[in-house]
Amino acid sequence: MPKRDTLVHAMHDIGLAAWFGGSLAGAVAVNGAAADVPDPAMRPEAANDPWSRWGPVSALAIGVHLVGGAVLLRANRDLVAGQRWVALQAAAKLVLTGAALAVTGYSGALGRKLHAADGAAVEGGATASVSTSSEVAHIQRQLGACRWLIPTLTGAISVLAALDAEQQRPVRRLSGMFGKQVRWLRAGR
């Protein structure tokens, strides 16, 4: 009987979903809502407070995703080693995950810098106003790029995970191992 990896698949997928969803909700709702605060000097705090609350949950979600991914990679090491396409997908997921981790960490560091610039007048969580200092405006431009880059990277990881799931179908696995012979059988020749 084949071994089931349902728990680690769930860890991988739920952790990734929280990472993607949290970053997308933050980019759209948290940073956008900060612009609605009447006092421009209170806007950085209005954006940073929800991000500070989300931070530990996000870190846990990312950790759960990474553990699930590592266990799945170990469990499927023979498949990865034996099929070039699977190995390329795994490498692409690793690169995207590393990039998403780096951007997430950098975004957190920028958020802490912005929080330290207490009382800076800004337009929104990642948008400078005409009276924003050049240092704070620079931080906000970087945060503006990060806020869309994180959901883009994690969304791409999700697409590759879906492709991985499609590759796990029995006919696909046989096709990867035996190539032409399986395609010939599927065609009914």
N, C-alpha and C. Protein backbone atom coordinates (compact mmCIF):
# COMPACT_ATOMS: atom_id res chain seq x y z
N MET A 1 0.84 -1.18 0.00
CA MET A 1 0.00 0.00 0.00
C MET A 1 0.88 1.24 0.00
N PRO A 2 0.60 2.23 -0.90
CA PRO A 2 1.42 3.42 -0.95
C PRO A 2 1.28 4.27 0.32
N LYS A 3 2.38 4.90 0.67
CA LYS A 3 2.38 5.78 1.83
C LYS A 3 1.65 7.08 1.49
N ARG A 4 0.85 7.56 2.43
CA ARG A 4 0.10 8.80 2.22
C ARG A 4 0.81 9.96 2.92
N ASP A 5 0.83 11.09 2.27
CA ASP A 5 1.46 12.29 2.81
C ASP A 5 0.44 13.42 2.97
N THR A 6 -0.78 13.08 3.34
CA THR A 6 -1.85 14.06 3.41
C THR A 6 -1.52 15.20 4.37
N LEU A 7 -1.01 14.90 5.54
CA LEU A 7 -0.72 15.94 6.53
C LEU A 7 0.33 16.91 6.00
N VAL A 8 1.41 16.41 5.41
CA VAL A 8 2.44 17.32 4.93
C VAL A 8 1.99 18.09 3.69
N HIS A 9 1.15 17.47 2.86
CA HIS A 9 0.55 18.22 1.74
C HIS A 9 -0.29 19.37 2.29
N ALA A 10 -1.08 19.08 3.32
CA ALA A 10 -1.92 20.12 3.93
C ALA A 10 -1.05 21.22 4.54
N MET A 11 0.02 20.84 5.22
CA MET A 11 0.93 21.84 5.80
C MET A 11 1.49 22.74 4.69
N HIS A 12 1.97 22.12 3.63
CA HIS A 12 2.53 22.86 2.50
C HIS A 12 1.50 23.83 1.93
N ASP A 13 0.29 23.31 1.66
CA ASP A 13 -0.72 24.11 0.97
C ASP A 13 -1.37 25.16 1.87
N ILE A 14 -1.69 24.82 3.11
CA ILE A 14 -2.32 25.79 4.01
C ILE A 14 -1.33 26.89 4.40
N GLY A 15 -0.09 26.51 4.65
CA GLY A 15 0.93 27.52 4.95
C GLY A 15 1.10 28.49 3.79
N LEU A 16 1.16 27.96 2.57
CA LEU A 16 1.30 28.80 1.38
C LEU A 16 0.07 29.67 1.19
N ALA A 17 -1.11 29.11 1.42
CA ALA A 17 -2.36 29.88 1.26
C ALA A 17 -2.39 31.06 2.23
N ALA A 18 -1.97 30.84 3.46
CA ALA A 18 -1.95 31.93 4.44
C ALA A 18 -0.91 32.98 4.07
N TRP A 19 0.25 32.54 3.60
CA TRP A 19 1.30 33.47 3.18
C TRP A 19 0.81 34.33 2.01
N PHE A 20 0.26 33.68 1.00
CA PHE A 20 -0.27 34.39 -0.17
C PHE A 20 -1.43 35.30 0.23
N GLY A 21 -2.42 34.73 0.91
CA GLY A 21 -3.62 35.49 1.25
C GLY A 21 -3.35 36.65 2.19
N GLY A 22 -2.49 36.43 3.17
CA GLY A 22 -2.16 37.50 4.10
C GLY A 22 -1.45 38.65 3.41
N SER A 23 -0.53 38.31 2.52
CA SER A 23 0.20 39.38 1.82
C SER A 23 -0.71 40.13 0.85
N LEU A 24 -1.59 39.41 0.18
CA LEU A 24 -2.51 40.06 -0.75
C LEU A 24 -3.52 40.93 0.00
N ALA A 25 -4.08 40.42 1.09
CA ALA A 25 -5.03 41.22 1.88
C ALA A 25 -4.35 42.46 2.44
N GLY A 26 -3.11 42.29 2.88
CA GLY A 26 -2.38 43.45 3.40
C GLY A 26 -2.14 44.49 2.33
N ALA A 27 -1.74 44.05 1.15
CA ALA A 27 -1.46 44.98 0.05
C ALA A 27 -2.71 45.75 -0.35
N VAL A 28 -3.83 45.05 -0.40
CA VAL A 28 -5.07 45.68 -0.85
C VAL A 28 -5.77 46.43 0.29
N ALA A 29 -5.96 45.77 1.42
CA ALA A 29 -6.81 46.33 2.47
C ALA A 29 -6.05 47.15 3.51
N VAL A 30 -4.99 46.61 4.08
CA VAL A 30 -4.30 47.29 5.17
C VAL A 30 -3.66 48.58 4.68
N ASN A 31 -2.84 48.48 3.65
CA ASN A 31 -2.18 49.67 3.15
C ASN A 31 -3.18 50.68 2.57
N GLY A 32 -4.22 50.18 1.94
CA GLY A 32 -5.25 51.06 1.40
C GLY A 32 -6.05 51.76 2.48
N ALA A 33 -6.36 51.05 3.55
CA ALA A 33 -7.15 51.63 4.64
C ALA A 33 -6.37 52.71 5.38
N ALA A 34 -5.05 52.58 5.43
CA ALA A 34 -4.25 53.59 6.11
C ALA A 34 -4.43 54.96 5.47
N ALA A 35 -4.66 55.00 4.18
CA ALA A 35 -4.86 56.27 3.48
C ALA A 35 -6.15 56.96 3.91
N ASP A 36 -7.09 56.22 4.50
CA ASP A 36 -8.36 56.78 4.94
C ASP A 36 -8.29 57.44 6.32
N VAL A 37 -7.18 57.27 7.03
CA VAL A 37 -7.03 57.88 8.36
C VAL A 37 -6.87 59.39 8.15
N PRO A 38 -7.70 60.21 8.82
CA PRO A 38 -7.67 61.66 8.58
C PRO A 38 -6.32 62.34 8.88
N ASP A 39 -5.63 61.91 9.92
CA ASP A 39 -4.37 62.54 10.30
C ASP A 39 -3.21 61.85 9.57
N PRO A 40 -2.54 62.55 8.64
CA PRO A 40 -1.45 61.94 7.88
C PRO A 40 -0.32 61.39 8.76
N ALA A 41 -0.12 61.99 9.92
CA ALA A 41 0.94 61.52 10.82
C ALA A 41 0.58 60.19 11.47
N MET A 42 -0.71 59.82 11.51
CA MET A 42 -1.17 58.57 12.10
C MET A 42 -1.24 57.43 11.08
N ARG A 43 -1.08 57.75 9.82
CA ARG A 43 -1.22 56.74 8.77
C ARG A 43 -0.16 55.64 8.83
N PRO A 44 1.12 55.97 9.09
CA PRO A 44 2.09 54.87 9.19
C PRO A 44 1.73 53.87 10.29
N GLU A 45 1.27 54.39 11.43
CA GLU A 45 0.87 53.50 12.53
C GLU A 45 -0.37 52.69 12.16
N ALA A 46 -1.29 53.32 11.42
CA ALA A 46 -2.51 52.61 11.00
C ALA A 46 -2.17 51.45 10.07
N ALA A 47 -1.10 51.58 9.31
CA ALA A 47 -0.67 50.48 8.43
C ALA A 47 0.19 49.49 9.20
N ASN A 48 1.07 49.97 10.05
CA ASN A 48 2.02 49.09 10.74
C ASN A 48 1.38 48.23 11.82
N ASP A 49 0.37 48.75 12.51
CA ASP A 49 -0.24 47.97 13.60
C ASP A 49 -0.82 46.64 13.12
N PRO A 50 -1.65 46.64 12.06
CA PRO A 50 -2.15 45.34 11.57
C PRO A 50 -1.02 44.41 11.09
N TRP A 51 -0.01 44.99 10.41
CA TRP A 51 1.10 44.16 9.95
C TRP A 51 1.84 43.56 11.14
N SER A 52 2.00 44.32 12.22
CA SER A 52 2.67 43.80 13.42
C SER A 52 1.87 42.65 14.04
N ARG A 53 0.57 42.77 14.01
CA ARG A 53 -0.28 41.70 14.55
C ARG A 53 -0.24 40.46 13.65
N TRP A 54 -0.16 40.67 12.35
CA TRP A 54 -0.14 39.56 11.40
C TRP A 54 1.22 38.87 11.39
N GLY A 55 2.28 39.58 11.71
CA GLY A 55 3.64 39.07 11.62
C GLY A 55 3.85 37.69 12.21
N PRO A 56 3.48 37.45 13.48
CA PRO A 56 3.69 36.12 14.06
C PRO A 56 2.88 35.02 13.36
N VAL A 57 1.68 35.33 12.94
CA VAL A 57 0.86 34.35 12.23
C VAL A 57 1.49 34.05 10.87
N SER A 58 1.95 35.09 10.21
CA SER A 58 2.61 34.91 8.92
C SER A 58 3.87 34.06 9.07
N ALA A 59 4.66 34.34 10.09
CA ALA A 59 5.88 33.55 10.32
C ALA A 59 5.55 32.08 10.56
N LEU A 60 4.50 31.83 11.33
CA LEU A 60 4.07 30.45 11.57
C LEU A 60 3.61 29.79 10.27
N ALA A 61 2.83 30.51 9.48
CA ALA A 61 2.35 29.97 8.19
C ALA A 61 3.52 29.65 7.27
N ILE A 62 4.48 30.54 7.20
CA ILE A 62 5.64 30.32 6.35
C ILE A 62 6.42 29.10 6.85
N GLY A 63 6.60 29.01 8.16
CA GLY A 63 7.30 27.86 8.73
C GLY A 63 6.58 26.55 8.43
N VAL A 64 5.27 26.54 8.57
CA VAL A 64 4.47 25.34 8.27
C VAL A 64 4.63 24.97 6.79
N HIS A 65 4.57 25.97 5.92
CA HIS A 65 4.76 25.73 4.49
C HIS A 65 6.14 25.13 4.21
N LEU A 66 7.16 25.70 4.82
CA LEU A 66 8.53 25.22 4.58
C LEU A 66 8.73 23.79 5.09
N VAL A 67 8.21 23.50 6.27
CA VAL A 67 8.34 22.14 6.80
C VAL A 67 7.60 21.15 5.89
N GLY A 68 6.36 21.50 5.52
CA GLY A 68 5.59 20.63 4.62
C GLY A 68 6.31 20.42 3.30
N GLY A 69 6.85 21.49 2.74
CA GLY A 69 7.57 21.38 1.47
C GLY A 69 8.83 20.53 1.58
N ALA A 70 9.56 20.71 2.68
CA ALA A 70 10.79 19.93 2.86
C ALA A 70 10.49 18.44 3.01
N VAL A 71 9.44 18.12 3.77
CA VAL A 71 9.08 16.70 3.95
C VAL A 71 8.59 16.11 2.63
N LEU A 72 7.81 16.86 1.87
CA LEU A 72 7.35 16.37 0.56
C LEU A 72 8.52 16.17 -0.40
N LEU A 73 9.46 17.08 -0.38
CA LEU A 73 10.62 16.95 -1.26
C LEU A 73 11.43 15.71 -0.89
N ARG A 74 11.57 15.47 0.40
CA ARG A 74 12.30 14.27 0.85
C ARG A 74 11.53 13.00 0.47
N ALA A 75 10.22 13.02 0.66
CA ALA A 75 9.40 11.85 0.35
C ALA A 75 9.40 11.54 -1.15
N ASN A 76 9.54 12.57 -1.96
CA ASN A 76 9.50 12.40 -3.42
C ASN A 76 10.88 12.49 -4.06
N ARG A 77 11.93 12.32 -3.29
CA ARG A 77 13.29 12.50 -3.81
C ARG A 77 13.60 11.57 -4.98
N ASP A 78 13.08 10.35 -4.97
CA ASP A 78 13.35 9.44 -6.09
C ASP A 78 12.66 9.93 -7.37
N LEU A 79 11.45 10.42 -7.23
CA LEU A 79 10.72 10.97 -8.37
C LEU A 79 11.44 12.20 -8.91
N VAL A 80 11.90 13.07 -8.02
CA VAL A 80 12.62 14.28 -8.43
C VAL A 80 13.93 13.90 -9.13
N ALA A 81 14.63 12.94 -8.56
CA ALA A 81 15.91 12.53 -9.15
C ALA A 81 15.72 11.78 -10.46
N GLY A 82 14.61 11.09 -10.62
CA GLY A 82 14.41 10.24 -11.79
C GLY A 82 13.77 10.91 -12.98
N GLN A 83 13.18 12.09 -12.79
CA GLN A 83 12.48 12.74 -13.90
C GLN A 83 12.94 14.19 -14.01
N ARG A 84 13.50 14.52 -15.14
CA ARG A 84 14.07 15.85 -15.35
C ARG A 84 13.03 16.95 -15.16
N TRP A 85 11.82 16.76 -15.71
CA TRP A 85 10.78 17.79 -15.60
C TRP A 85 10.40 18.03 -14.14
N VAL A 86 10.28 16.98 -13.37
CA VAL A 86 9.94 17.10 -11.95
C VAL A 86 11.07 17.83 -11.21
N ALA A 87 12.30 17.49 -11.56
CA ALA A 87 13.45 18.16 -10.93
C ALA A 87 13.46 19.66 -11.26
N LEU A 88 13.13 20.01 -12.49
CA LEU A 88 13.08 21.42 -12.88
C LEU A 88 11.98 22.16 -12.12
N GLN A 89 10.82 21.52 -11.97
CA GLN A 89 9.73 22.12 -11.20
C GLN A 89 10.14 22.32 -9.75
N ALA A 90 10.76 21.32 -9.17
CA ALA A 90 11.20 21.43 -7.77
C ALA A 90 12.23 22.54 -7.62
N ALA A 91 13.14 22.65 -8.56
CA ALA A 91 14.15 23.72 -8.51
C ALA A 91 13.48 25.09 -8.64
N ALA A 92 12.52 25.20 -9.54
CA ALA A 92 11.81 26.47 -9.72
C ALA A 92 11.06 26.85 -8.44
N LYS A 93 10.41 25.88 -7.80
CA LYS A 93 9.70 26.16 -6.54
C LYS A 93 10.68 26.60 -5.46
N LEU A 94 11.84 25.96 -5.41
CA LEU A 94 12.84 26.36 -4.41
C LEU A 94 13.34 27.78 -4.64
N VAL A 95 13.58 28.13 -5.90
CA VAL A 95 14.04 29.49 -6.22
C VAL A 95 12.95 30.51 -5.87
N LEU A 96 11.72 30.23 -6.27
CA LEU A 96 10.62 31.15 -5.95
C LEU A 96 10.40 31.27 -4.45
N THR A 97 10.51 30.15 -3.74
CA THR A 97 10.34 30.18 -2.28
C THR A 97 11.45 31.01 -1.63
N GLY A 98 12.68 30.82 -2.09
CA GLY A 98 13.79 31.62 -1.55
C GLY A 98 13.58 33.10 -1.82
N ALA A 99 13.13 33.44 -3.03
CA ALA A 99 12.87 34.84 -3.36
C ALA A 99 11.73 35.40 -2.51
N ALA A 100 10.66 34.63 -2.35
CA ALA A 100 9.53 35.09 -1.53
C ALA A 100 9.95 35.28 -0.07
N LEU A 101 10.79 34.37 0.44
CA LEU A 101 11.30 34.52 1.80
C LEU A 101 12.13 35.79 1.93
N ALA A 102 13.00 36.03 0.97
CA ALA A 102 13.87 37.22 1.01
C ALA A 102 13.03 38.50 0.96
N VAL A 103 12.06 38.56 0.05
CA VAL A 103 11.23 39.75 -0.07
C VAL A 103 10.37 39.94 1.17
N THR A 104 9.84 38.85 1.72
CA THR A 104 9.03 38.94 2.95
C THR A 104 9.88 39.47 4.10
N GLY A 105 11.07 38.93 4.26
CA GLY A 105 11.96 39.41 5.33
C GLY A 105 12.34 40.86 5.14
N TYR A 106 12.66 41.24 3.92
CA TYR A 106 13.04 42.63 3.61
C TYR A 106 11.86 43.56 3.86
N SER A 107 10.67 43.12 3.48
CA SER A 107 9.47 43.92 3.70
C SER A 107 9.24 44.16 5.20
N GLY A 108 9.45 43.12 6.00
CA GLY A 108 9.32 43.27 7.45
C GLY A 108 10.32 44.27 8.02
N ALA A 109 11.55 44.20 7.51
CA ALA A 109 12.58 45.16 7.97
C ALA A 109 12.21 46.58 7.56
N LEU A 110 11.68 46.75 6.35
CA LEU A 110 11.24 48.08 5.91
C LEU A 110 10.08 48.58 6.77
N GLY A 111 9.16 47.68 7.11
CA GLY A 111 8.04 48.06 7.96
C GLY A 111 8.51 48.54 9.33
N ARG A 112 9.53 47.87 9.87
CA ARG A 112 10.07 48.31 11.16
C ARG A 112 10.75 49.68 11.04
N LYS A 113 11.43 49.93 9.93
CA LYS A 113 12.05 51.24 9.70
C LYS A 113 10.97 52.32 9.60
N LEU A 114 9.91 52.01 8.88
CA LEU A 114 8.82 52.97 8.73
C LEU A 114 8.17 53.25 10.08
N HIS A 115 8.02 52.21 10.88
CA HIS A 115 7.43 52.37 12.22
C HIS A 115 8.33 53.25 13.10
N ALA A 116 9.63 53.13 12.92
CA ALA A 116 10.57 53.93 13.70
C ALA A 116 10.52 55.40 13.31
N ALA A 117 10.07 55.68 12.10
CA ALA A 117 9.94 57.07 11.64
C ALA A 117 8.62 57.63 12.15
N ASP A 118 8.44 57.60 13.45
CA ASP A 118 7.19 57.99 14.11
C ASP A 118 6.78 59.42 13.75
N GLY A 119 5.53 59.57 13.40
CA GLY A 119 4.99 60.90 13.12
C GLY A 119 5.22 61.39 11.70
N ALA A 120 5.75 60.55 10.83
CA ALA A 120 5.96 60.96 9.44
C ALA A 120 4.61 61.12 8.75
N ALA A 121 4.42 62.24 8.06
CA ALA A 121 3.17 62.46 7.33
C ALA A 121 3.26 61.74 5.99
N VAL A 122 2.31 60.84 5.75
CA VAL A 122 2.31 60.05 4.51
C VAL A 122 0.90 60.03 3.93
N GLU A 123 0.81 59.62 2.67
CA GLU A 123 -0.49 59.51 2.01
C GLU A 123 -1.19 58.21 2.39
N GLY A 124 -0.42 57.11 2.43
CA GLY A 124 -0.96 55.80 2.78
C GLY A 124 0.14 54.93 3.33
N GLY A 125 -0.16 53.66 3.57
CA GLY A 125 0.81 52.75 4.16
C GLY A 125 2.08 52.61 3.34
N ALA A 126 1.97 52.67 2.03
CA ALA A 126 3.14 52.55 1.16
C ALA A 126 3.18 53.67 0.12
N THR A 127 2.53 54.79 0.45
CA THR A 127 2.46 55.91 -0.48
C THR A 127 2.87 57.19 0.23
N ALA A 128 3.85 57.88 -0.32
CA ALA A 128 4.32 59.13 0.27
C ALA A 128 3.41 60.29 -0.12
N SER A 129 3.41 61.32 0.71
CA SER A 129 2.72 62.57 0.37
C SER A 129 3.79 63.59 0.01
N VAL A 130 3.38 64.77 -0.40
CA VAL A 130 4.35 65.80 -0.77
C VAL A 130 5.19 66.25 0.43
N SER A 131 4.65 66.09 1.63
CA SER A 131 5.39 66.52 2.83
C SER A 131 6.20 65.38 3.48
N THR A 132 6.19 64.19 2.89
CA THR A 132 6.93 63.05 3.43
C THR A 132 8.43 63.27 3.19
N SER A 133 9.23 62.98 4.20
CA SER A 133 10.68 63.12 4.04
C SER A 133 11.18 62.17 2.96
N SER A 134 12.31 62.49 2.36
CA SER A 134 12.85 61.66 1.28
C SER A 134 13.21 60.26 1.80
N GLU A 135 13.69 60.16 3.03
CA GLU A 135 14.04 58.85 3.61
C GLU A 135 12.81 57.96 3.76
N VAL A 136 11.74 58.52 4.31
CA VAL A 136 10.50 57.76 4.49
C VAL A 136 9.87 57.44 3.13
N ALA A 137 9.93 58.39 2.19
CA ALA A 137 9.38 58.14 0.86
C ALA A 137 10.13 57.00 0.17
N HIS A 138 11.44 56.93 0.37
CA HIS A 138 12.23 55.84 -0.20
C HIS A 138 11.80 54.49 0.38
N ILE A 139 11.63 54.45 1.69
CA ILE A 139 11.16 53.22 2.36
C ILE A 139 9.79 52.83 1.80
N GLN A 140 8.92 53.80 1.63
CA GLN A 140 7.58 53.50 1.14
C GLN A 140 7.59 53.00 -0.31
N ARG A 141 8.48 53.54 -1.14
CA ARG A 141 8.57 53.03 -2.52
C ARG A 141 9.00 51.57 -2.52
N GLN A 142 9.96 51.25 -1.66
CA GLN A 142 10.41 49.86 -1.57
C GLN A 142 9.29 48.96 -1.04
N LEU A 143 8.57 49.43 -0.03
CA LEU A 143 7.44 48.66 0.48
C LEU A 143 6.36 48.49 -0.58
N GLY A 144 6.15 49.53 -1.38
CA GLY A 144 5.17 49.45 -2.46
C GLY A 144 5.50 48.33 -3.45
N ALA A 145 6.79 48.17 -3.74
CA ALA A 145 7.20 47.09 -4.64
C ALA A 145 7.03 45.73 -3.95
N CYS A 146 7.43 45.67 -2.69
CA CYS A 146 7.33 44.39 -1.94
C CYS A 146 5.89 43.93 -1.79
N ARG A 147 4.96 44.87 -1.59
CA ARG A 147 3.58 44.47 -1.31
C ARG A 147 2.96 43.70 -2.45
N TRP A 148 3.40 43.93 -3.69
CA TRP A 148 2.87 43.18 -4.83
C TRP A 148 3.78 42.03 -5.22
N LEU A 149 5.05 42.14 -4.89
CA LEU A 149 5.98 41.09 -5.25
C LEU A 149 5.74 39.82 -4.42
N ILE A 150 5.41 39.97 -3.15
CA ILE A 150 5.18 38.79 -2.30
C ILE A 150 4.00 37.95 -2.79
N PRO A 151 2.81 38.53 -3.01
CA PRO A 151 1.73 37.69 -3.53
C PRO A 151 2.00 37.16 -4.95
N THR A 152 2.77 37.89 -5.73
CA THR A 152 3.13 37.40 -7.06
C THR A 152 4.00 36.15 -6.95
N LEU A 153 5.02 36.21 -6.11
CA LEU A 153 5.92 35.06 -5.93
C LEU A 153 5.20 33.87 -5.31
N THR A 154 4.43 34.13 -4.25
CA THR A 154 3.72 33.01 -3.60
C THR A 154 2.62 32.46 -4.49
N GLY A 155 2.01 33.31 -5.30
CA GLY A 155 1.03 32.83 -6.28
C GLY A 155 1.69 31.93 -7.31
N ALA A 156 2.89 32.28 -7.74
CA ALA A 156 3.63 31.45 -8.69
C ALA A 156 3.99 30.10 -8.07
N ILE A 157 4.34 30.10 -6.79
CA ILE A 157 4.61 28.83 -6.09
C ILE A 157 3.35 27.97 -6.08
N SER A 158 2.21 28.59 -5.86
CA SER A 158 0.94 27.87 -5.84
C SER A 158 0.63 27.26 -7.21
N VAL A 159 0.92 27.99 -8.27
CA VAL A 159 0.72 27.46 -9.62
C VAL A 159 1.60 26.23 -9.84
N LEU A 160 2.86 26.31 -9.42
CA LEU A 160 3.76 25.16 -9.57
C LEU A 160 3.30 23.99 -8.70
N ALA A 161 2.74 24.28 -7.52
CA ALA A 161 2.21 23.20 -6.67
C ALA A 161 1.03 22.53 -7.36
N ALA A 162 0.19 23.30 -8.02
CA ALA A 162 -0.93 22.72 -8.77
C ALA A 162 -0.42 21.86 -9.92
N LEU A 163 0.62 22.33 -10.58
CA LEU A 163 1.23 21.55 -11.66
C LEU A 163 1.81 20.25 -11.11
N ASP A 164 2.44 20.33 -9.93
CA ASP A 164 2.95 19.12 -9.27
C ASP A 164 1.83 18.12 -9.02
N ALA A 165 0.69 18.63 -8.53
CA ALA A 165 -0.45 17.74 -8.25
C ALA A 165 -0.93 17.06 -9.53
N GLU A 166 -0.95 17.81 -10.63
CA GLU A 166 -1.35 17.22 -11.90
C GLU A 166 -0.36 16.13 -12.33
N GLN A 167 0.90 16.34 -12.05
CA GLN A 167 1.93 15.37 -12.41
C GLN A 167 1.82 14.08 -11.60
N GLN A 168 1.13 14.14 -10.47
CA GLN A 168 1.01 12.96 -9.60
C GLN A 168 -0.05 11.98 -10.08
N ARG A 169 -0.82 12.35 -11.08
CA ARG A 169 -1.83 11.41 -11.60
C ARG A 169 -1.10 10.19 -12.15
N PRO A 170 -1.65 9.00 -11.94
CA PRO A 170 -0.94 7.78 -12.35
C PRO A 170 -0.47 7.76 -13.79
N VAL A 171 -1.31 8.19 -14.73
CA VAL A 171 -0.91 8.17 -16.13
C VAL A 171 0.25 9.12 -16.36
N ARG A 172 0.24 10.26 -15.69
CA ARG A 172 1.33 11.23 -15.84
C ARG A 172 2.63 10.66 -15.29
N ARG A 173 2.54 9.98 -14.15
CA ARG A 173 3.75 9.40 -13.57
C ARG A 173 4.33 8.33 -14.49
N LEU A 174 3.45 7.49 -15.03
CA LEU A 174 3.92 6.46 -15.97
C LEU A 174 4.51 7.10 -17.21
N SER A 175 3.87 8.15 -17.71
CA SER A 175 4.36 8.83 -18.89
C SER A 175 5.75 9.40 -18.64
N GLY A 176 5.97 9.94 -17.44
CA GLY A 176 7.29 10.47 -17.11
C GLY A 176 8.34 9.38 -17.04
N MET A 177 7.94 8.20 -16.60
CA MET A 177 8.90 7.11 -16.47
C MET A 177 9.14 6.38 -17.79
N PHE A 178 8.05 6.21 -18.56
CA PHE A 178 8.16 5.37 -19.75
C PHE A 178 7.93 6.11 -21.06
N GLY A 179 7.63 7.40 -20.99
CA GLY A 179 7.53 8.25 -22.17
C GLY A 179 6.65 7.74 -23.28
N LYS A 180 7.25 7.42 -24.40
CA LYS A 180 6.52 7.04 -25.62
C LYS A 180 5.61 5.84 -25.42
N GLN A 181 6.04 4.87 -24.63
CA GLN A 181 5.24 3.66 -24.47
C GLN A 181 3.87 3.99 -23.87
N VAL A 182 3.81 4.85 -22.87
CA VAL A 182 2.54 5.18 -22.24
C VAL A 182 1.70 6.04 -23.18
N ARG A 183 2.32 6.99 -23.87
CA ARG A 183 1.55 7.80 -24.83
C ARG A 183 0.96 6.91 -25.92
N TRP A 184 1.70 5.91 -26.32
CA TRP A 184 1.23 4.96 -27.32
C TRP A 184 0.04 4.18 -26.79
N LEU A 185 0.10 3.73 -25.52
CA LEU A 185 -1.01 2.99 -24.91
C LEU A 185 -2.24 3.87 -24.75
N ARG A 186 -2.04 5.12 -24.33
CA ARG A 186 -3.18 6.04 -24.16
C ARG A 186 -3.86 6.33 -25.48
N ALA A 187 -3.11 6.35 -26.55
CA ALA A 187 -3.67 6.63 -27.87
C ALA A 187 -4.40 5.41 -28.43
N GLY A 188 -4.27 4.25 -27.76
CA GLY A 188 -4.97 3.05 -28.19
C GLY A 188 -4.32 2.36 -29.36
N ARG A 189 -3.05 2.53 -29.53
CA ARG A 189 -2.36 1.89 -30.67
C ARG A 189 -1.80 0.57 -30.29
